[in-house]
C-alpha cells in the first residue's frame, strides 16, 4: 500500500518538508488545521509513506458502526463516544502504557468547522501519559506536510496553547477561512 499511497501523493502534488522526529517512540501527534474530509485521506497517505504503523487515532463512534466500521478499525482507529463522560483522557493515556511505540494522532480542533478555541483533550492526554506533543501542519497552499520539534506540556497551559496557535496560524487548510489564525492573541 505504501507504493500506492506514495503515488497518490505524488499525483496530488503533495510533499514532505523536513522530517518527523523518529527518535520519539511515543507522542501525541496533533494535525491541523482540520478543515476538510480530505485531511483524513492525505493523513492516511502520509501515514503509509512515513511508515507510521504504530499511529492510531480516536474517531467518533458513528464512524465505526455500519458496514464500513471495520475499515476505520483496520486503519488504526479507536471509537469514542463524544457525548458521554467516559474519562477519555485516562483511557487514552493508558494506551501509551500498553505499547512500546505509540503515536496517537488527533485533530486539536476536534471538528472540520471553524472553532473559537481548541479542544484540550490532546494536551491533557500527553500530560497524563508523560509524552511529548508533536505538531503536524497540513499546508494546502503549498501542498506540504511538516512537523514541529516535540515539546512536553508544562504547567503553563495558556503559554503552551499560544505556542500551538503560533505554529498553526500561518498554515492554510483546504478551506483557509476555517484555520486557526484567529485564535492567536495579538502581539504573540
C-alpha atoms as a PDB file:
ATOM      1  CA  UNK A   1       0.000   0.000   0.000  1.00  0.00           C
ATOM      2  CA  UNK A   2       2.914   2.350   0.657  1.00  0.00           C
ATOM      3  CA  UNK A   3       3.706   2.446  -3.063  1.00  0.00           C
ATOM      4  CA  UNK A   4       0.078   3.208  -3.951  1.00  0.00           C
ATOM      5  CA  UNK A   5      -0.200   5.964  -1.322  1.00  0.00           C
ATOM      6  CA  UNK A   6       3.156   7.438  -2.388  1.00  0.00           C
ATOM      7  CA  UNK A   7       1.959   7.525  -5.995  1.00  0.00           C
ATOM      8  CA  UNK A   8      -1.309   9.116  -4.870  1.00  0.00           C
ATOM      9  CA  UNK A   9       0.587  11.863  -3.004  1.00  0.00           C
ATOM     10  CA  UNK A  10       2.853  12.496  -5.982  1.00  0.00           C
ATOM     11  CA  UNK A  11      -0.099  12.734  -8.386  1.00  0.00           C
ATOM     12  CA  UNK A  12      -1.891  15.103  -5.997  1.00  0.00           C
ATOM     13  CA  UNK A  13       1.263  17.252  -5.730  1.00  0.00           C
ATOM     14  CA  UNK A  14       1.898  16.703  -2.002  1.00  0.00           C
ATOM     15  CA  UNK A  15       5.363  16.554  -0.454  1.00  0.00           C
ATOM     16  CA  UNK A  16       7.044  16.282   2.917  1.00  0.00           C
ATOM     17  CA  UNK A  17       9.011  19.261   4.187  1.00  0.00           C
ATOM     18  CA  UNK A  18      11.600  18.301   6.785  1.00  0.00           C
ATOM     19  CA  UNK A  19      11.408  15.088   8.764  1.00  0.00           C
ATOM     20  CA  UNK A  20       9.444  13.509  11.565  1.00  0.00           C
ATOM     21  CA  UNK A  21      11.392  13.119  14.853  1.00  0.00           C
ATOM     22  CA  UNK A  22      11.659   9.314  14.653  1.00  0.00           C
ATOM     23  CA  UNK A  23      13.730   9.172  17.853  1.00  0.00           C
ATOM     24  CA  UNK A  24      10.442   9.826  19.703  1.00  0.00           C
ATOM     25  CA  UNK A  25       8.800   6.435  20.265  1.00  0.00           C
ATOM     26  CA  UNK A  26       5.628   7.741  21.904  1.00  0.00           C
ATOM     27  CA  UNK A  27       3.828  11.035  21.390  1.00  0.00           C
ATOM     28  CA  UNK A  28       0.559  12.780  20.776  1.00  0.00           C
ATOM     29  CA  UNK A  29       0.672  13.939  17.166  1.00  0.00           C
ATOM     30  CA  UNK A  30      -1.759  16.780  16.509  1.00  0.00           C
ATOM     31  CA  UNK A  31      -2.564  17.529  12.885  1.00  0.00           C
ATOM     32  CA  UNK A  32      -4.064  20.783  11.677  1.00  0.00           C
ATOM     33  CA  UNK A  33      -5.677  22.804  10.549  1.00  0.00           C
ATOM     34  CA  UNK A  34      -8.513  20.312  10.105  1.00  0.00           C
ATOM     35  CA  UNK A  35     -10.902  21.913   7.614  1.00  0.00           C
ATOM     36  CA  UNK A  36     -11.925  19.124   5.226  1.00  0.00           C
ATOM     37  CA  UNK A  37     -12.597  15.398   4.987  1.00  0.00           C
ATOM     38  CA  UNK A  38      -9.627  15.309   2.603  1.00  0.00           C
ATOM     39  CA  UNK A  39      -7.361  15.816   5.636  1.00  0.00           C
ATOM     40  CA  UNK A  40      -8.059  12.219   6.677  1.00  0.00           C
ATOM     41  CA  UNK A  41      -7.202  10.856   3.221  1.00  0.00           C
ATOM     42  CA  UNK A  42      -3.986  12.893   2.975  1.00  0.00           C
ATOM     43  CA  UNK A  43      -3.120  11.888   6.544  1.00  0.00           C
ATOM     44  CA  UNK A  44      -3.598   8.173   5.851  1.00  0.00           C
ATOM     45  CA  UNK A  45      -1.437   8.513   2.729  1.00  0.00           C
ATOM     46  CA  UNK A  46       1.404  10.165   4.690  1.00  0.00           C
ATOM     47  CA  UNK A  47       0.979   7.621   7.480  1.00  0.00           C
ATOM     48  CA  UNK A  48       1.724   4.871   4.973  1.00  0.00           C
ATOM     49  CA  UNK A  49       4.516   6.775   3.234  1.00  0.00           C
ATOM     50  CA  UNK A  50       6.243   7.556   6.558  1.00  0.00           C
ATOM     51  CA  UNK A  51       5.745   4.006   7.878  1.00  0.00           C
ATOM     52  CA  UNK A  52       3.765   5.086  10.915  1.00  0.00           C
ATOM     53  CA  UNK A  53       2.488   1.570  11.577  1.00  0.00           C
ATOM     54  CA  UNK A  54       2.115   2.473  15.260  1.00  0.00           C
ATOM     55  CA  UNK A  55      -0.056   5.533  14.562  1.00  0.00           C
ATOM     56  CA  UNK A  56      -3.571   5.316  15.964  1.00  0.00           C
ATOM     57  CA  UNK A  57      -6.423   7.802  16.086  1.00  0.00           C
ATOM     58  CA  UNK A  58      -9.605   8.439  18.009  1.00  0.00           C
ATOM     59  CA  UNK A  59     -12.756   8.876  15.946  1.00  0.00           C
ATOM     60  CA  UNK A  60     -16.402   9.484  16.601  1.00  0.00           C
ATOM     61  CA  UNK A  61     -18.155   6.197  17.366  1.00  0.00           C
ATOM     62  CA  UNK A  62     -20.566   6.672  14.453  1.00  0.00           C
ATOM     63  CA  UNK A  63     -17.695   6.050  12.007  1.00  0.00           C
ATOM     64  CA  UNK A  64     -17.139   2.574  13.442  1.00  0.00           C
ATOM     65  CA  UNK A  65     -20.746   1.439  13.080  1.00  0.00           C
ATOM     66  CA  UNK A  66     -22.361   0.021   9.984  1.00  0.00           C
ATOM     67  CA  UNK A  67     -20.799  -1.749   7.035  1.00  0.00           C
ATOM     68  CA  UNK A  68     -17.623   0.356   6.868  1.00  0.00           C
ATOM     69  CA  UNK A  69     -16.701   0.377  10.561  1.00  0.00           C
ATOM     70  CA  UNK A  70     -14.087  -2.338  10.069  1.00  0.00           C
ATOM     71  CA  UNK A  71     -12.162  -0.033   7.703  1.00  0.00           C
ATOM     72  CA  UNK A  72     -11.658   2.585  10.410  1.00  0.00           C
ATOM     73  CA  UNK A  73     -10.536  -0.082  12.883  1.00  0.00           C
ATOM     74  CA  UNK A  74      -8.139  -1.536  10.294  1.00  0.00           C
ATOM     75  CA  UNK A  75      -6.705   1.960   9.761  1.00  0.00           C
ATOM     76  CA  UNK A  76      -5.878   2.190  13.479  1.00  0.00           C
ATOM     77  CA  UNK A  77      -8.949   3.879  14.862  1.00  0.00           C
ATOM     78  CA  UNK A  78     -10.383   3.679  18.352  1.00  0.00           C
ATOM     79  CA  UNK A  79     -14.073   4.682  18.611  1.00  0.00           C
ATOM     80  CA  UNK A  80     -15.067   7.285  21.208  1.00  0.00           C
ATOM     81  CA  UNK A  81     -18.450   8.410  22.437  1.00  0.00           C
ATOM     82  CA  UNK A  82     -18.306  12.178  22.108  1.00  0.00           C
ATOM     83  CA  UNK A  83     -21.401  12.972  24.138  1.00  0.00           C
ATOM     84  CA  UNK A  84     -20.842  10.783  27.196  1.00  0.00           C
ATOM     85  CA  UNK A  85     -18.445  11.035  30.103  1.00  0.00           C
ATOM     86  CA  UNK A  86     -16.014   8.092  29.931  1.00  0.00           C
ATOM     87  CA  UNK A  87     -12.840   9.728  31.301  1.00  0.00           C
ATOM     88  CA  UNK A  88     -11.397   9.729  27.812  1.00  0.00           C
ATOM     89  CA  UNK A  89      -8.120  11.311  28.929  1.00  0.00           C
ATOM     90  CA  UNK A  90      -7.339   8.454  31.304  1.00  0.00           C
ATOM     91  CA  UNK A  91      -8.372   5.823  28.749  1.00  0.00           C
ATOM     92  CA  UNK A  92      -6.233   7.377  26.014  1.00  0.00           C
ATOM     93  CA  UNK A  93      -3.261   7.872  28.359  1.00  0.00           C
ATOM     94  CA  UNK A  94      -3.483   4.180  29.297  1.00  0.00           C
ATOM     95  CA  UNK A  95      -2.960   3.252  25.641  1.00  0.00           C
ATOM     96  CA  UNK A  96       0.592   4.607  25.917  1.00  0.00           C
ATOM     97  CA  UNK A  97       1.359   2.282  28.845  1.00  0.00           C
ATOM     98  CA  UNK A  98       0.402  -0.776  26.799  1.00  0.00           C
ATOM     99  CA  UNK A  99       2.666  -0.099  23.803  1.00  0.00           C
ATOM    100  CA  UNK A 100       6.429   0.277  23.301  1.00  0.00           C
ATOM    101  CA  UNK A 101       5.870   2.630  20.376  1.00  0.00           C
ATOM    102  CA  UNK A 102       2.662   4.615  20.047  1.00  0.00           C
ATOM    103  CA  UNK A 103       1.586   7.704  18.151  1.00  0.00           C
ATOM    104  CA  UNK A 104      -1.870   8.997  18.988  1.00  0.00           C
ATOM    105  CA  UNK A 105      -2.956  11.225  16.114  1.00  0.00           C
ATOM    106  CA  UNK A 106      -5.641  13.811  16.878  1.00  0.00           C
ATOM    107  CA  UNK A 107      -7.103  16.983  15.444  1.00  0.00           C
ATOM    108  CA  UNK A 108      -6.745  19.766  18.005  1.00  0.00           C
ATOM    109  CA  UNK A 109      -9.965  21.379  16.733  1.00  0.00           C
ATOM    110  CA  UNK A 110     -11.989  18.172  17.062  1.00  0.00           C
ATOM    111  CA  UNK A 111     -14.056  19.171  14.023  1.00  0.00           C
ATOM    112  CA  UNK A 112     -13.708  20.466  10.463  1.00  0.00           C
ATOM    113  CA  UNK A 113     -15.570  23.670  11.322  1.00  0.00           C
ATOM    114  CA  UNK A 114     -14.031  26.948  12.454  1.00  0.00           C
ATOM    115  CA  UNK A 115     -13.659  26.885  16.230  1.00  0.00           C
ATOM    116  CA  UNK A 116     -13.463  29.547  18.924  1.00  0.00           C
ATOM    117  CA  UNK A 117     -10.859  27.521  20.834  1.00  0.00           C
ATOM    118  CA  UNK A 118      -9.014  24.258  20.537  1.00  0.00           C
ATOM    119  CA  UNK A 119     -10.078  21.191  22.447  1.00  0.00           C
ATOM    120  CA  UNK A 120      -7.803  20.403  25.355  1.00  0.00           C
ATOM    121  CA  UNK A 121      -8.052  16.606  25.444  1.00  0.00           C
ATOM    122  CA  UNK A 122      -4.877  16.036  23.394  1.00  0.00           C
ATOM    123  CA  UNK A 123      -2.963  18.284  25.778  1.00  0.00           C
ATOM    124  CA  UNK A 124      -4.175  16.516  28.919  1.00  0.00           C
ATOM    125  CA  UNK A 125      -3.613  13.086  27.367  1.00  0.00           C
ATOM    126  CA  UNK A 126       0.033  13.990  26.643  1.00  0.00           C
ATOM    127  CA  UNK A 127       0.469  15.407  30.134  1.00  0.00           C
ATOM    128  CA  UNK A 128      -1.086  12.397  31.888  1.00  0.00           C
ATOM    129  CA  UNK A 129       0.845   9.904  29.726  1.00  0.00           C
ATOM    130  CA  UNK A 130       4.114  11.850  30.172  1.00  0.00           C
ATOM    131  CA  UNK A 131       4.705  12.021  26.411  1.00  0.00           C
ATOM    132  CA  UNK A 132       5.559  14.949  24.149  1.00  0.00           C
ATOM    133  CA  UNK A 133       3.300  16.652  21.645  1.00  0.00           C
ATOM    134  CA  UNK A 134       4.430  16.878  18.025  1.00  0.00           C
ATOM    135  CA  UNK A 135       2.537  19.265  15.747  1.00  0.00           C
ATOM    136  CA  UNK A 136       1.975  18.385  12.094  1.00  0.00           C
ATOM    137  CA  UNK A 137       0.937  21.053   9.646  1.00  0.00           C
ATOM    138  CA  UNK A 138      -1.102  20.238   6.537  1.00  0.00           C
ATOM    139  CA  UNK A 139      -0.458  23.210   4.278  1.00  0.00           C
ATOM    140  CA  UNK A 140      -2.835  23.038   1.302  1.00  0.00           C
ATOM    141  CA  UNK A 141      -1.481  26.304  -0.147  1.00  0.00           C
ATOM    142  CA  UNK A 142       1.908  24.646  -0.746  1.00  0.00           C
ATOM    143  CA  UNK A 143       0.700  21.016  -0.578  1.00  0.00           C
ATOM    144  CA  UNK A 144       3.207  20.192   2.134  1.00  0.00           C
ATOM    145  CA  UNK A 145       3.161  18.331   5.416  1.00  0.00           C
ATOM    146  CA  UNK A 146       5.735  19.253   8.073  1.00  0.00           C
ATOM    147  CA  UNK A 147       6.396  18.578  11.748  1.00  0.00           C
ATOM    148  CA  UNK A 148       7.400  20.638  14.785  1.00  0.00           C
ATOM    149  CA  UNK A 149      10.015  19.689  17.305  1.00  0.00           C
ATOM    150  CA  UNK A 150       8.482  17.683  20.147  1.00  0.00           C
ATOM    151  CA  UNK A 151       7.538  19.560  23.312  1.00  0.00           C
ATOM    152  CA  UNK A 152       6.205  18.447  26.667  1.00  0.00           C
ATOM    153  CA  UNK A 153       3.164  20.177  28.140  1.00  0.00           C
ATOM    154  CA  UNK A 154       4.165  22.459  31.002  1.00  0.00           C
ATOM    155  CA  UNK A 155       2.290  23.837  33.977  1.00  0.00           C
ATOM    156  CA  UNK A 156       1.512  26.961  31.917  1.00  0.00           C
ATOM    157  CA  UNK A 157      -1.310  25.756  29.693  1.00  0.00           C
ATOM    158  CA  UNK A 158      -2.079  29.229  28.324  1.00  0.00           C
ATOM    159  CA  UNK A 159       1.535  29.713  27.135  1.00  0.00           C
ATOM    160  CA  UNK A 160       1.609  26.215  25.640  1.00  0.00           C
ATOM    161  CA  UNK A 161      -1.564  26.909  23.665  1.00  0.00           C
ATOM    162  CA  UNK A 162      -0.158  30.205  22.384  1.00  0.00           C
ATOM    163  CA  UNK A 163       2.825  28.214  21.104  1.00  0.00           C
ATOM    164  CA  UNK A 164       0.394  25.883  19.328  1.00  0.00           C
ATOM    165  CA  UNK A 165      -1.585  28.801  17.869  1.00  0.00           C
ATOM    166  CA  UNK A 166       1.634  30.441  16.627  1.00  0.00           C
ATOM    167  CA  UNK A 167       2.612  27.241  14.859  1.00  0.00           C
ATOM    168  CA  UNK A 168      -0.736  26.748  13.118  1.00  0.00           C
ATOM    169  CA  UNK A 169      -1.753  30.389  12.472  1.00  0.00           C
ATOM    170  CA  UNK A 170       0.068  30.789   9.125  1.00  0.00           C
ATOM    171  CA  UNK A 171      -0.928  27.350   7.784  1.00  0.00           C
ATOM    172  CA  UNK A 172      -3.709  27.291   5.194  1.00  0.00           C
ATOM    173  CA  UNK A 173      -6.055  24.306   5.314  1.00  0.00           C
ATOM    174  CA  UNK A 174      -8.164  23.160   2.386  1.00  0.00           C
ATOM    175  CA  UNK A 175     -10.745  25.751   3.470  1.00  0.00           C
ATOM    176  CA  UNK A 176      -8.449  28.615   4.548  1.00  0.00           C
ATOM    177  CA  UNK A 177     -11.092  30.629   6.412  1.00  0.00           C
ATOM    178  CA  UNK A 178     -11.548  27.780   8.887  1.00  0.00           C
ATOM    179  CA  UNK A 179      -7.923  27.743  10.060  1.00  0.00           C
ATOM    180  CA  UNK A 180      -6.508  28.841  13.400  1.00  0.00           C
ATOM    181  CA  UNK A 181      -5.067  32.308  12.733  1.00  0.00           C
ATOM    182  CA  UNK A 182      -7.955  33.968  14.607  1.00  0.00           C
ATOM    183  CA  UNK A 183      -7.013  32.090  17.808  1.00  0.00           C
ATOM    184  CA  UNK A 184      -3.621  33.780  18.115  1.00  0.00           C
ATOM    185  CA  UNK A 185      -3.546  36.554  20.699  1.00  0.00           C
ATOM    186  CA  UNK A 186      -2.406  39.961  19.400  1.00  0.00           C
ATOM    187  CA  UNK A 187       1.315  40.663  19.862  1.00  0.00           C
ATOM    188  CA  UNK A 188       2.122  36.975  20.224  1.00  0.00           C
END
